């Protein structure tokens, strides 16, 4: 008798079930609920940008090579996110990749539906404009879809155990994911560029110190849900360097990459790029610091 296989999402295991059996029906219902939750997460995380005019214009004129590279980067980012807190529990790397692809697709569908509902895209527009507007919104929507279980699901996850298993690299990755999400919400705005032009070097230096201090306070000093306890055996200087300053370095790299993707660095001097990166590095540091809360 032929058998089909169904992943048990709550345990990350795979076992044979009879076609048409109640187990298979339950698995389908569970996956359907997970998709609905992922769609809700996509809309929830993306709706501020879905209603932002700068994002509509970026979808129209953004360099297609840079946009494509950022979409690939996002898809790669979703795979480890699926391991830590995907919209379904997974039992291996291949399932993480599959869930990342599904979340990316859900994000694209959610973006298309909402943009069409708002009248931002319609059949009279060129195909390249429609695809561009959907693609740029797929980034925050797909992140929302992949973390939907952690934010909207009722089941307890084993994220902390997985973070401990992943070690220092896993903690830095969580910071990177948080920095990407929050940076993406701020970088398209003109106000970010205006702030960079108004600031002096003294302002920039002060903002760097505040960013590092805020990141350290969020992660270790303040008792936020999901924040990390400072290990007694690690001294403050090494803790500051290995976690807070390292996290801020990740925030700056993410900020520079997002600025380049959005074309903010084109024609700008090194001083202007450094100033814009510093300004964007502040929300990126907040995203890195609060990643366990956001993600």
C-alpha atoms as a PDB file:
ATOM      1  CA  UNK A   1       0.000   0.000   0.000  1.00  0.00           C
ATOM      2  CA  UNK A   2       1.402   3.416  -0.924  1.00  0.00           C
ATOM      3  CA  UNK A   3       2.318   5.797   1.839  1.00  0.00           C
ATOM      4  CA  UNK A   4       2.731   9.558   1.966  1.00  0.00           C
ATOM      5  CA  UNK A   5       4.768  11.508   4.463  1.00  0.00           C
ATOM      6  CA  UNK A   6       3.655  14.444   6.556  1.00  0.00           C
ATOM      7  CA  UNK A   7       5.859  16.648   8.681  1.00  0.00           C
ATOM      8  CA  UNK A   8       4.693  17.019  12.226  1.00  0.00           C
ATOM      9  CA  UNK A   9       5.337  20.738  12.642  1.00  0.00           C
ATOM     10  CA  UNK A  10       5.128  20.736  16.415  1.00  0.00           C
ATOM     11  CA  UNK A  11       7.961  18.260  16.827  1.00  0.00           C
ATOM     12  CA  UNK A  12      10.105  18.608  13.733  1.00  0.00           C
ATOM     13  CA  UNK A  13       9.779  14.917  12.842  1.00  0.00           C
ATOM     14  CA  UNK A  14       8.491  13.039   9.852  1.00  0.00           C
ATOM     15  CA  UNK A  15       6.420   9.883  10.022  1.00  0.00           C
ATOM     16  CA  UNK A  16       4.396   7.879   7.482  1.00  0.00           C
ATOM     17  CA  UNK A  17       0.634   8.345   7.450  1.00  0.00           C
ATOM     18  CA  UNK A  18      -2.061   6.663   5.419  1.00  0.00           C
ATOM     19  CA  UNK A  19      -3.408   8.792   2.558  1.00  0.00           C
ATOM     20  CA  UNK A  20      -6.689  10.394   3.584  1.00  0.00           C
ATOM     21  CA  UNK A  21      -6.141   9.536   7.263  1.00  0.00           C
ATOM     22  CA  UNK A  22      -7.108  11.861  10.109  1.00  0.00           C
ATOM     23  CA  UNK A  23      -3.413  12.511  10.795  1.00  0.00           C
ATOM     24  CA  UNK A  24      -2.896  13.750   7.255  1.00  0.00           C
ATOM     25  CA  UNK A  25      -5.999  15.934   7.482  1.00  0.00           C
ATOM     26  CA  UNK A  26      -4.807  17.363  10.787  1.00  0.00           C
ATOM     27  CA  UNK A  27      -1.380  18.101   9.314  1.00  0.00           C
ATOM     28  CA  UNK A  28      -2.987  19.934   6.394  1.00  0.00           C
ATOM     29  CA  UNK A  29      -5.147  21.966   8.746  1.00  0.00           C
ATOM     30  CA  UNK A  30      -2.111  22.815  10.852  1.00  0.00           C
ATOM     31  CA  UNK A  31      -0.149  23.928   7.791  1.00  0.00           C
ATOM     32  CA  UNK A  32      -3.143  25.968   6.629  1.00  0.00           C
ATOM     33  CA  UNK A  33      -3.265  27.756   9.976  1.00  0.00           C
ATOM     34  CA  UNK A  34       0.485  28.322   9.784  1.00  0.00           C
ATOM     35  CA  UNK A  35       0.114  29.914   6.340  1.00  0.00           C
ATOM     36  CA  UNK A  36      -2.716  32.140   7.581  1.00  0.00           C
ATOM     37  CA  UNK A  37      -0.574  33.147  10.563  1.00  0.00           C
ATOM     38  CA  UNK A  38       2.357  33.834   8.229  1.00  0.00           C
ATOM     39  CA  UNK A  39       0.143  36.042   6.033  1.00  0.00           C
ATOM     40  CA  UNK A  40      -1.025  37.957   9.109  1.00  0.00           C
ATOM     41  CA  UNK A  41       2.577  38.383  10.246  1.00  0.00           C
ATOM     42  CA  UNK A  42       3.580  39.614   6.789  1.00  0.00           C
ATOM     43  CA  UNK A  43       0.870  42.280   6.779  1.00  0.00           C
ATOM     44  CA  UNK A  44       1.591  43.282  10.388  1.00  0.00           C
ATOM     45  CA  UNK A  45       5.320  43.739   9.851  1.00  0.00           C
ATOM     46  CA  UNK A  46       5.070  45.371   6.421  1.00  0.00           C
ATOM     47  CA  UNK A  47       2.052  47.661   6.673  1.00  0.00           C
ATOM     48  CA  UNK A  48       3.999  50.836   7.716  1.00  0.00           C
ATOM     49  CA  UNK A  49       6.105  50.520   4.552  1.00  0.00           C
ATOM     50  CA  UNK A  50       3.136  49.464   2.441  1.00  0.00           C
ATOM     51  CA  UNK A  51       1.662  52.890   3.220  1.00  0.00           C
ATOM     52  CA  UNK A  52       4.901  54.863   2.706  1.00  0.00           C
ATOM     53  CA  UNK A  53       5.246  56.885  -0.500  1.00  0.00           C
ATOM     54  CA  UNK A  54       9.040  56.616  -0.604  1.00  0.00           C
ATOM     55  CA  UNK A  55       8.721  52.843  -0.837  1.00  0.00           C
ATOM     56  CA  UNK A  56       6.322  53.148  -3.770  1.00  0.00           C
ATOM     57  CA  UNK A  57       8.848  55.289  -5.627  1.00  0.00           C
ATOM     58  CA  UNK A  58      11.719  52.963  -4.750  1.00  0.00           C
ATOM     59  CA  UNK A  59       9.826  50.105  -6.361  1.00  0.00           C
ATOM     60  CA  UNK A  60       9.575  52.251  -9.490  1.00  0.00           C
ATOM     61  CA  UNK A  61      13.143  53.537  -9.939  1.00  0.00           C
ATOM     62  CA  UNK A  62      15.409  51.361  -7.752  1.00  0.00           C
ATOM     63  CA  UNK A  63      18.246  49.707  -9.667  1.00  0.00           C
ATOM     64  CA  UNK A  64      17.029  46.221 -10.530  1.00  0.00           C
ATOM     65  CA  UNK A  65      20.399  44.536  -9.943  1.00  0.00           C
ATOM     66  CA  UNK A  66      20.642  45.974  -6.436  1.00  0.00           C
ATOM     67  CA  UNK A  67      17.029  45.049  -5.738  1.00  0.00           C
ATOM     68  CA  UNK A  68      17.621  41.500  -6.962  1.00  0.00           C
ATOM     69  CA  UNK A  69      20.737  41.168  -4.780  1.00  0.00           C
ATOM     70  CA  UNK A  70      18.803  42.396  -1.752  1.00  0.00           C
ATOM     71  CA  UNK A  71      16.025  39.896  -2.412  1.00  0.00           C
ATOM     72  CA  UNK A  72      18.606  37.097  -2.577  1.00  0.00           C
ATOM     73  CA  UNK A  73      20.149  38.390   0.655  1.00  0.00           C
ATOM     74  CA  UNK A  74      16.691  38.392   2.278  1.00  0.00           C
ATOM     75  CA  UNK A  75      15.984  34.830   1.163  1.00  0.00           C
ATOM     76  CA  UNK A  76      19.314  33.691   2.599  1.00  0.00           C
ATOM     77  CA  UNK A  77      18.517  35.568   5.818  1.00  0.00           C
ATOM     78  CA  UNK A  78      15.196  33.748   6.134  1.00  0.00           C
ATOM     79  CA  UNK A  79      16.820  30.304   6.303  1.00  0.00           C
ATOM     80  CA  UNK A  80      18.555  30.779   9.701  1.00  0.00           C
ATOM     81  CA  UNK A  81      15.502  32.716  10.900  1.00  0.00           C
ATOM     82  CA  UNK A  82      13.414  29.650  10.117  1.00  0.00           C
ATOM     83  CA  UNK A  83      15.781  27.603  12.279  1.00  0.00           C
ATOM     84  CA  UNK A  84      15.424  29.989  15.231  1.00  0.00           C
ATOM     85  CA  UNK A  85      11.766  31.024  14.998  1.00  0.00           C
ATOM     86  CA  UNK A  86      10.103  29.995  11.742  1.00  0.00           C
ATOM     87  CA  UNK A  87       6.355  29.957  11.238  1.00  0.00           C
ATOM     88  CA  UNK A  88       6.587  26.180  11.646  1.00  0.00           C
ATOM     89  CA  UNK A  89       9.012  24.032  13.624  1.00  0.00           C
ATOM     90  CA  UNK A  90      11.457  22.298  11.371  1.00  0.00           C
ATOM     91  CA  UNK A  91      13.422  19.096  11.588  1.00  0.00           C
ATOM     92  CA  UNK A  92      16.464  19.886   9.474  1.00  0.00           C
ATOM     93  CA  UNK A  93      18.234  22.313   7.165  1.00  0.00           C
ATOM     94  CA  UNK A  94      16.226  21.220   4.110  1.00  0.00           C
ATOM     95  CA  UNK A  95      12.994  22.060   5.928  1.00  0.00           C
ATOM     96  CA  UNK A  96      14.436  25.411   6.969  1.00  0.00           C
ATOM     97  CA  UNK A  97      15.137  26.196   3.308  1.00  0.00           C
ATOM     98  CA  UNK A  98      11.628  25.098   2.329  1.00  0.00           C
ATOM     99  CA  UNK A  99      10.013  27.227   5.033  1.00  0.00           C
ATOM    100  CA  UNK A 100      12.150  30.199   3.988  1.00  0.00           C
ATOM    101  CA  UNK A 101      10.936  29.852   0.391  1.00  0.00           C
ATOM    102  CA  UNK A 102       7.322  29.518   1.551  1.00  0.00           C
ATOM    103  CA  UNK A 103       7.658  32.586   3.804  1.00  0.00           C
ATOM    104  CA  UNK A 104       9.197  34.548   0.931  1.00  0.00           C
ATOM    105  CA  UNK A 105       6.268  33.560  -1.288  1.00  0.00           C
ATOM    106  CA  UNK A 106       3.729  34.465   1.410  1.00  0.00           C
ATOM    107  CA  UNK A 107       5.426  37.840   1.807  1.00  0.00           C
ATOM    108  CA  UNK A 108       5.228  38.492  -1.930  1.00  0.00           C
ATOM    109  CA  UNK A 109       1.541  37.537  -2.051  1.00  0.00           C
ATOM    110  CA  UNK A 110       0.733  39.684   0.998  1.00  0.00           C
ATOM    111  CA  UNK A 111       2.565  42.655  -0.522  1.00  0.00           C
ATOM    112  CA  UNK A 112       0.779  42.245  -3.859  1.00  0.00           C
ATOM    113  CA  UNK A 113      -2.651  41.949  -2.227  1.00  0.00           C
ATOM    114  CA  UNK A 114      -2.209  44.995  -0.009  1.00  0.00           C
ATOM    115  CA  UNK A 115      -0.679  47.174  -2.750  1.00  0.00           C
ATOM    116  CA  UNK A 116      -3.538  46.258  -5.068  1.00  0.00           C
ATOM    117  CA  UNK A 117      -6.048  46.979  -2.289  1.00  0.00           C
ATOM    118  CA  UNK A 118      -4.500  50.421  -1.753  1.00  0.00           C
ATOM    119  CA  UNK A 119      -4.538  51.125  -5.495  1.00  0.00           C
ATOM    120  CA  UNK A 120      -0.739  51.413  -5.638  1.00  0.00           C
ATOM    121  CA  UNK A 121      -0.527  48.796  -8.387  1.00  0.00           C
ATOM    122  CA  UNK A 122      -3.027  48.101 -11.159  1.00  0.00           C
ATOM    123  CA  UNK A 123      -3.035  46.269 -14.492  1.00  0.00           C
ATOM    124  CA  UNK A 124      -2.500  49.504 -16.451  1.00  0.00           C
ATOM    125  CA  UNK A 125       1.042  49.890 -15.044  1.00  0.00           C
ATOM    126  CA  UNK A 126       4.112  48.450 -16.776  1.00  0.00           C
ATOM    127  CA  UNK A 127       5.023  44.975 -15.546  1.00  0.00           C
ATOM    128  CA  UNK A 128       8.449  46.150 -14.378  1.00  0.00           C
ATOM    129  CA  UNK A 129       6.873  48.788 -12.125  1.00  0.00           C
ATOM    130  CA  UNK A 130       4.416  46.312 -10.624  1.00  0.00           C
ATOM    131  CA  UNK A 131       7.135  43.723  -9.997  1.00  0.00           C
ATOM    132  CA  UNK A 132       9.453  46.338  -8.504  1.00  0.00           C
ATOM    133  CA  UNK A 133       6.845  47.661  -6.085  1.00  0.00           C
ATOM    134  CA  UNK A 134       5.924  44.168  -4.949  1.00  0.00           C
ATOM    135  CA  UNK A 135       9.547  43.046  -4.680  1.00  0.00           C
ATOM    136  CA  UNK A 136      10.666  45.902  -2.440  1.00  0.00           C
ATOM    137  CA  UNK A 137       7.753  45.276  -0.070  1.00  0.00           C
ATOM    138  CA  UNK A 138       8.437  41.537  -0.022  1.00  0.00           C
ATOM    139  CA  UNK A 139      11.503  42.096   2.169  1.00  0.00           C
ATOM    140  CA  UNK A 140       9.723  43.236   5.380  1.00  0.00           C
ATOM    141  CA  UNK A 141       6.657  41.106   4.574  1.00  0.00           C
ATOM    142  CA  UNK A 142       8.673  37.894   4.284  1.00  0.00           C
ATOM    143  CA  UNK A 143      10.484  38.615   7.562  1.00  0.00           C
ATOM    144  CA  UNK A 144       7.081  39.091   9.187  1.00  0.00           C
ATOM    145  CA  UNK A 145       5.898  35.821   7.685  1.00  0.00           C
ATOM    146  CA  UNK A 146       8.888  33.808   8.906  1.00  0.00           C
ATOM    147  CA  UNK A 147       8.673  35.107  12.499  1.00  0.00           C
ATOM    148  CA  UNK A 148       4.881  34.874  12.703  1.00  0.00           C
ATOM    149  CA  UNK A 149       4.948  31.817  14.981  1.00  0.00           C
ATOM    150  CA  UNK A 150       7.119  33.567  17.536  1.00  0.00           C
ATOM    151  CA  UNK A 151       4.975  36.712  17.531  1.00  0.00           C
ATOM    152  CA  UNK A 152       1.468  35.385  16.849  1.00  0.00           C
ATOM    153  CA  UNK A 153       1.596  31.656  17.605  1.00  0.00           C
ATOM    154  CA  UNK A 154       0.349  30.181  20.843  1.00  0.00           C
ATOM    155  CA  UNK A 155       2.860  27.332  20.948  1.00  0.00           C
ATOM    156  CA  UNK A 156       6.047  27.681  22.971  1.00  0.00           C
ATOM    157  CA  UNK A 157       9.159  27.666  20.839  1.00  0.00           C
ATOM    158  CA  UNK A 158      12.621  26.340  21.579  1.00  0.00           C
ATOM    159  CA  UNK A 159      14.326  29.484  20.281  1.00  0.00           C
ATOM    160  CA  UNK A 160      16.494  30.002  23.363  1.00  0.00           C
ATOM    161  CA  UNK A 161      17.779  26.422  23.255  1.00  0.00           C
ATOM    162  CA  UNK A 162      18.619  26.833  19.580  1.00  0.00           C
ATOM    163  CA  UNK A 163      20.403  30.139  20.282  1.00  0.00           C
ATOM    164  CA  UNK A 164      22.512  28.447  22.954  1.00  0.00           C
ATOM    165  CA  UNK A 165      23.334  25.649  20.539  1.00  0.00           C
ATOM    166  CA  UNK A 166      24.273  28.142  17.811  1.00  0.00           C
ATOM    167  CA  UNK A 167      26.530  29.962  20.286  1.00  0.00           C
ATOM    168  CA  UNK A 168      28.130  33.343  19.743  1.00  0.00           C
ATOM    169  CA  UNK A 169      27.596  33.287  15.969  1.00  0.00           C
ATOM    170  CA  UNK A 170      23.894  32.621  16.461  1.00  0.00           C
ATOM    171  CA  UNK A 171      23.553  35.587  18.816  1.00  0.00           C
ATOM    172  CA  UNK A 172      25.281  37.859  16.310  1.00  0.00           C
ATOM    173  CA  UNK A 173      22.987  36.613  13.560  1.00  0.00           C
ATOM    174  CA  UNK A 174      19.898  37.450  15.627  1.00  0.00           C
ATOM    175  CA  UNK A 175      21.328  40.959  15.982  1.00  0.00           C
ATOM    176  CA  UNK A 176      21.883  41.153  12.221  1.00  0.00           C
ATOM    177  CA  UNK A 177      18.295  40.136  11.490  1.00  0.00           C
ATOM    178  CA  UNK A 178      16.921  42.745  13.881  1.00  0.00           C
ATOM    179  CA  UNK A 179      19.165  45.413  12.372  1.00  0.00           C
ATOM    180  CA  UNK A 180      18.005  44.577   8.845  1.00  0.00           C
ATOM    181  CA  UNK A 181      14.340  44.793   9.759  1.00  0.00           C
ATOM    182  CA  UNK A 182      14.450  48.117  11.622  1.00  0.00           C
ATOM    183  CA  UNK A 183      16.910  49.705   9.182  1.00  0.00           C
ATOM    184  CA  UNK A 184      14.663  48.830   6.263  1.00  0.00           C
ATOM    185  CA  UNK A 185      11.826  50.735   7.937  1.00  0.00           C
ATOM    186  CA  UNK A 186      13.844  53.962   8.219  1.00  0.00           C
ATOM    187  CA  UNK A 187      16.274  54.044   5.283  1.00  0.00           C
ATOM    188  CA  UNK A 188      13.733  54.977   2.559  1.00  0.00           C
ATOM    189  CA  UNK A 189      12.687  58.212   4.299  1.00  0.00           C
ATOM    190  CA  UNK A 190      14.060  61.604   3.275  1.00  0.00           C
ATOM    191  CA  UNK A 191      14.211  62.655   6.916  1.00  0.00           C
ATOM    192  CA  UNK A 192      17.111  60.270   7.476  1.00  0.00           C
ATOM    193  CA  UNK A 193      19.169  62.094   4.817  1.00  0.00           C
ATOM    194  CA  UNK A 194      18.117  65.488   6.203  1.00  0.00           C
ATOM    195  CA  UNK A 195      19.276  64.548   9.691  1.00  0.00           C
ATOM    196  CA  UNK A 196      22.651  63.462   8.288  1.00  0.00           C
ATOM    197  CA  UNK A 197      23.146  66.846   6.607  1.00  0.00           C
ATOM    198  CA  UNK A 198      22.141  68.787   9.744  1.00  0.00           C
ATOM    199  CA  UNK A 199      24.463  66.887  12.094  1.00  0.00           C
ATOM    200  CA  UNK A 200      28.023  67.950  12.861  1.00  0.00           C
ATOM    201  CA  UNK A 201      30.932  65.632  13.604  1.00  0.00           C
ATOM    202  CA  UNK A 202      30.378  66.254  17.311  1.00  0.00           C
ATOM    203  CA  UNK A 203      26.765  65.135  16.898  1.00  0.00           C
ATOM    204  CA  UNK A 204      27.940  62.061  15.010  1.00  0.00           C
ATOM    205  CA  UNK A 205      30.431  61.069  17.707  1.00  0.00           C
ATOM    206  CA  UNK A 206      27.795  61.544  20.403  1.00  0.00           C
ATOM    207  CA  UNK A 207      25.313  59.458  18.400  1.00  0.00           C
ATOM    208  CA  UNK A 208      27.858  56.634  18.064  1.00  0.00           C
ATOM    209  CA  UNK A 209      28.390  56.565  21.836  1.00  0.00           C
ATOM    210  CA  UNK A 210      24.648  56.711  22.486  1.00  0.00           C
ATOM    211  CA  UNK A 211      24.041  53.897  19.988  1.00  0.00           C
ATOM    212  CA  UNK A 212      26.590  51.605  21.630  1.00  0.00           C
ATOM    213  CA  UNK A 213      25.389  52.489  25.113  1.00  0.00           C
ATOM    214  CA  UNK A 214      21.747  51.949  24.174  1.00  0.00           C
ATOM    215  CA  UNK A 215      22.527  48.617  22.562  1.00  0.00           C
ATOM    216  CA  UNK A 216      24.399  47.445  25.652  1.00  0.00           C
ATOM    217  CA  UNK A 217      21.619  48.635  27.954  1.00  0.00           C
ATOM    218  CA  UNK A 218      18.905  46.945  25.914  1.00  0.00           C
ATOM    219  CA  UNK A 219      20.720  43.620  25.738  1.00  0.00           C
ATOM    220  CA  UNK A 220      22.176  43.324  29.227  1.00  0.00           C
ATOM    221  CA  UNK A 221      21.231  46.071  31.659  1.00  0.00           C
ATOM    222  CA  UNK A 222      17.456  46.358  31.185  1.00  0.00           C
ATOM    223  CA  UNK A 223      15.125  43.526  32.095  1.00  0.00           C
ATOM    224  CA  UNK A 224      13.304  43.240  28.762  1.00  0.00           C
ATOM    225  CA  UNK A 225      11.580  40.022  27.741  1.00  0.00           C
ATOM    226  CA  UNK A 226      14.048  37.835  25.867  1.00  0.00           C
ATOM    227  CA  UNK A 227      17.120  39.900  26.684  1.00  0.00           C
ATOM    228  CA  UNK A 228      20.334  38.200  27.665  1.00  0.00           C
ATOM    229  CA  UNK A 229      21.701  37.945  31.177  1.00  0.00           C
ATOM    230  CA  UNK A 230      25.257  39.105  31.620  1.00  0.00           C
ATOM    231  CA  UNK A 231      27.480  36.085  32.410  1.00  0.00           C
ATOM    232  CA  UNK A 232      29.260  36.530  35.746  1.00  0.00           C
ATOM    233  CA  UNK A 233      32.494  35.061  34.440  1.00  0.00           C
ATOM    234  CA  UNK A 234      32.804  37.599  31.622  1.00  0.00           C
ATOM    235  CA  UNK A 235      34.228  40.987  32.543  1.00  0.00           C
ATOM    236  CA  UNK A 236      32.578  44.224  31.457  1.00  0.00           C
ATOM    237  CA  UNK A 237      35.288  45.271  28.933  1.00  0.00           C
ATOM    238  CA  UNK A 238      35.168  41.974  27.029  1.00  0.00           C
ATOM    239  CA  UNK A 239      31.386  41.913  27.233  1.00  0.00           C
ATOM    240  CA  UNK A 240      31.231  45.434  25.803  1.00  0.00           C
ATOM    241  CA  UNK A 241      33.590  44.551  22.952  1.00  0.00           C
ATOM    242  CA  UNK A 242      32.315  41.084  22.057  1.00  0.00           C
ATOM    243  CA  UNK A 243      28.587  41.850  22.220  1.00  0.00           C
ATOM    244  CA  UNK A 244      27.755  45.556  22.209  1.00  0.00           C
ATOM    245  CA  UNK A 245      30.508  46.948  19.985  1.00  0.00           C
ATOM    246  CA  UNK A 246      30.352  43.865  17.740  1.00  0.00           C
ATOM    247  CA  UNK A 247      26.588  44.341  17.479  1.00  0.00           C
ATOM    248  CA  UNK A 248      27.071  47.994  16.595  1.00  0.00           C
ATOM    249  CA  UNK A 249      29.600  47.021  13.941  1.00  0.00           C
ATOM    250  CA  UNK A 250      26.983  44.712  12.414  1.00  0.00           C
ATOM    251  CA  UNK A 251      24.469  47.571  12.560  1.00  0.00           C
ATOM    252  CA  UNK A 252      26.847  49.857  10.637  1.00  0.00           C
ATOM    253  CA  UNK A 253      27.527  47.223   7.957  1.00  0.00           C
ATOM    254  CA  UNK A 254      23.808  46.625   7.507  1.00  0.00           C
ATOM    255  CA  UNK A 255      23.190  50.372   7.348  1.00  0.00           C
ATOM    256  CA  UNK A 256      25.833  50.897   4.670  1.00  0.00           C
ATOM    257  CA  UNK A 257      24.515  48.010   2.581  1.00  0.00           C
ATOM    258  CA  UNK A 258      20.933  49.253   2.767  1.00  0.00           C
ATOM    259  CA  UNK A 259      22.040  52.783   1.860  1.00  0.00           C
ATOM    260  CA  UNK A 260      23.892  51.411  -1.167  1.00  0.00           C
ATOM    261  CA  UNK A 261      20.896  49.303  -2.178  1.00  0.00           C
ATOM    262  CA  UNK A 262      18.585  52.328  -2.054  1.00  0.00           C
ATOM    263  CA  UNK A 263      21.060  54.442  -4.023  1.00  0.00           C
ATOM    264  CA  UNK A 264      21.718  56.835  -1.155  1.00  0.00           C
ATOM    265  CA  UNK A 265      25.493  56.545  -1.570  1.00  0.00           C
ATOM    266  CA  UNK A 266      25.488  57.387  -5.298  1.00  0.00           C
ATOM    267  CA  UNK A 267      27.343  60.654  -5.874  1.00  0.00           C
ATOM    268  CA  UNK A 268      27.890  61.242  -2.155  1.00  0.00           C
ATOM    269  CA  UNK A 269      31.257  62.013  -0.616  1.00  0.00           C
ATOM    270  CA  UNK A 270      32.889  59.714   1.922  1.00  0.00           C
ATOM    271  CA  UNK A 271      32.044  62.173   4.684  1.00  0.00           C
ATOM    272  CA  UNK A 272      28.381  62.236   3.669  1.00  0.00           C
ATOM    273  CA  UNK A 273      28.243  58.450   3.443  1.00  0.00           C
ATOM    274  CA  UNK A 274      29.858  58.134   6.870  1.00  0.00           C
ATOM    275  CA  UNK A 275      27.342  60.591   8.342  1.00  0.00           C
ATOM    276  CA  UNK A 276      24.336  58.827   6.791  1.00  0.00           C
ATOM    277  CA  UNK A 277      25.659  55.459   7.966  1.00  0.00           C
ATOM    278  CA  UNK A 278      26.047  56.824  11.500  1.00  0.00           C
ATOM    279  CA  UNK A 279      22.503  58.201  11.484  1.00  0.00           C
ATOM    280  CA  UNK A 280      21.033  54.969  10.139  1.00  0.00           C
ATOM    281  CA  UNK A 281      23.263  53.013  12.520  1.00  0.00           C
ATOM    282  CA  UNK A 282      21.202  54.239  15.473  1.00  0.00           C
ATOM    283  CA  UNK A 283      17.921  52.522  14.489  1.00  0.00           C
ATOM    284  CA  UNK A 284      19.979  49.582  13.243  1.00  0.00           C
ATOM    285  CA  UNK A 285      21.570  49.300  16.701  1.00  0.00           C
ATOM    286  CA  UNK A 286      18.112  49.470  18.290  1.00  0.00           C
ATOM    287  CA  UNK A 287      16.992  46.684  15.968  1.00  0.00           C
ATOM    288  CA  UNK A 288      20.037  44.597  16.840  1.00  0.00           C
ATOM    289  CA  UNK A 289      19.508  45.205  20.553  1.00  0.00           C
ATOM    290  CA  UNK A 290      15.805  44.411  20.571  1.00  0.00           C
ATOM    291  CA  UNK A 291      16.022  41.549  18.070  1.00  0.00           C
ATOM    292  CA  UNK A 292      14.810  38.975  20.587  1.00  0.00           C
ATOM    293  CA  UNK A 293      11.717  41.107  21.193  1.00  0.00           C
ATOM    294  CA  UNK A 294      11.087  41.972  17.526  1.00  0.00           C
ATOM    295  CA  UNK A 295      12.050  38.538  16.185  1.00  0.00           C
END
